[in-house]
Amino acid sequence: MPAVIDSSKIDWVAVEAADCAVPAGHPPEDLVRALSAALADPDPDVRDGAPYTVLHTWIARGVIPADRRLELGDEMAERFEHPRTEARTFAPLVLDMLVAKGDFRPAWVDAFARWYPHEEDLRGHDATLGWLHAVAHGADLLDRFGRHPDVDPVRMLDLAAARLTAPTDHVFDQLEDDRLARAVARVLTRTDMTERQACDWLGPIGVRFRSDRVPTPVPAHLSNCLRTLRLLHVFADRGVRPSAEAEPVPLHHREAVKARLGEVLDLMIRR
């Protein structure tokens, strides 16, 4: 069992400034628990500051042993049920780091799928808690899982549709729609889906648009969905960049996806 170290006893800013060198006298695996606790801290300067950078760097460099990384992933999967929003919404960021490193457990996907469409606190930023970003952080992990060879991409597309159609009074205001659209586009670059699989996840969204024929103003969840699908249409037309420096990658069934997106968006326009 890793030693329990009080995160406040470690000068993580100094560790970050020293190129994330492991503090003397503390094996890195003994520090992981403190970093895990820091990424659930209500103080945004702790949660989203130097501890985040240090953990990301240690995972990427392999400083943390593989067995301890798997344990950390299990901790993050359990954290989706944490009572505090900031703890839940930073869990997908850590899982994204781990999966990017090559760590993976199917149970992590199951835990994420149980949480993502049902998270009710969709605030992007809070004046006290700082960044929460449930939709955006979840979108990043959806992207990562959706391109993993051991994850069914259709499941991730269906999960995106469930997130978009979940009732909410919160209008995305911190680029959550952009992040989710990009994540879906990245999943749709996979070449192992049929044309039907690439399009069928849009069906429930079209049904929701047809059933929610209410007077203006447009409900928040429909506004969120509409803006997400508009950007996805752009990605379908132009491709999606894996990184800022890379060339756009085309969606595998781009013409079929564009056509289905147009049909679903038209349902909203004709409300």
Foldseek 3Di string as FASTA:
>chain_A
DAADDALVVDPLVVCVVVVNDDDPPHQPLNCVNNLLVQCQDLACCRNVHSSVVNLLVCLQVVSHPPVSLVVSLVVLLVQCPPPDLSSNQCSLVSVLSNVVSPDDDVSSVVSLLVRLLPDAPQDQADPRRGGRHNLLSSLSSLLSQLPDPVHPVLSSLLSLLSNLLRAHQDADDPCSLVSNLLSLLSSLQDQPDDLCSNQVSCVVLLVSLLVPPDDDPDGRSVNSVLSSLVVNLVCLVQAHAPDPPGHGRHRNNSVSNNVSSVVSNVSNVVD
